[in-house]
């Protein structure tokens, strides 16, 4: 980021955080539902647009990473 600032460019406020496309978010949630990824990994893949408490609850224990 310092390099960009040195060139006189700074991101606009709407570009300050990563937004994932809806199809990507849907794929992450499907992977979570099918138990191919953990809840923690889903949050990471969503670039912290959500937290673990936002995810649907699952009665079984999580899969290992």
Protein backbone atom coordinates (compact mmCIF):
# COMPACT_ATOMS: atom_id res chain seq x y z
CA UNK A 1 0.00 0.00 0.00
CA UNK A 2 2.85 2.39 0.73
CA UNK A 3 4.07 1.94 -2.84
CA UNK A 4 0.70 3.04 -4.21
CA UNK A 5 0.60 6.02 -1.89
CA UNK A 6 4.09 6.99 -3.06
CA UNK A 7 2.73 7.10 -6.60
CA UNK A 8 -0.10 9.35 -5.44
CA UNK A 9 -2.80 6.71 -5.64
CA UNK A 10 -4.98 5.72 -2.71
CA UNK A 11 -8.00 3.42 -2.88
CA UNK A 12 -11.46 4.90 -2.85
CA UNK A 13 -13.53 4.14 0.28
CA UNK A 14 -15.63 1.54 -1.55
CA UNK A 15 -12.45 -0.31 -2.50
CA UNK A 16 -11.03 -0.45 1.01
CA UNK A 17 -12.49 -3.89 1.68
CA UNK A 18 -12.78 -6.99 -0.45
CA UNK A 19 -16.27 -7.93 -1.58
CA UNK A 20 -16.91 -11.41 -2.88
CA UNK A 21 -19.25 -12.04 -5.80
CA UNK A 22 -22.58 -13.74 -5.01
CA UNK A 23 -21.65 -16.89 -6.95
CA UNK A 24 -18.42 -17.16 -4.92
CA UNK A 25 -20.31 -16.72 -1.64
CA UNK A 26 -22.80 -19.38 -2.73
CA UNK A 27 -19.94 -21.79 -3.53
CA UNK A 28 -18.38 -21.17 -0.11
CA UNK A 29 -21.69 -21.84 1.63
CA UNK A 30 -22.25 -25.01 -0.40
CA UNK A 31 -18.77 -26.24 0.53
CA UNK A 32 -19.59 -25.54 4.18
CA UNK A 33 -22.95 -27.34 3.98
CA UNK A 34 -21.35 -30.36 2.29
CA UNK A 35 -18.67 -30.36 5.00
CA UNK A 36 -15.76 -29.84 2.60
CA UNK A 37 -14.54 -26.82 4.59
CA UNK A 38 -14.70 -25.74 8.23
CA UNK A 39 -16.59 -22.77 9.59
CA UNK A 40 -13.31 -20.95 10.21
CA UNK A 41 -12.24 -21.54 6.61
CA UNK A 42 -15.59 -20.27 5.32
CA UNK A 43 -15.10 -17.00 7.24
CA UNK A 44 -11.58 -16.72 5.85
CA UNK A 45 -12.75 -17.36 2.27
CA UNK A 46 -15.44 -14.73 2.67
CA UNK A 47 -12.71 -12.20 3.54
CA UNK A 48 -14.29 -11.50 6.94
CA UNK A 49 -17.56 -10.27 5.42
CA UNK A 50 -19.16 -12.48 8.06
CA UNK A 51 -18.24 -13.99 11.38
CA UNK A 52 -18.73 -17.57 12.57
CA UNK A 53 -21.92 -16.69 14.47
CA UNK A 54 -23.46 -15.62 11.14
CA UNK A 55 -23.05 -19.13 9.73
CA UNK A 56 -25.78 -21.78 10.07
CA UNK A 57 -25.44 -24.01 13.11
CA UNK A 58 -24.50 -27.65 12.63
CA UNK A 59 -25.27 -30.34 15.20
CA UNK A 60 -22.25 -32.53 14.38
CA UNK A 61 -18.66 -31.75 15.21
CA UNK A 62 -16.64 -29.99 12.54
CA UNK A 63 -14.45 -31.74 10.05
CA UNK A 64 -10.73 -31.50 10.53
CA UNK A 65 -8.88 -29.01 8.32
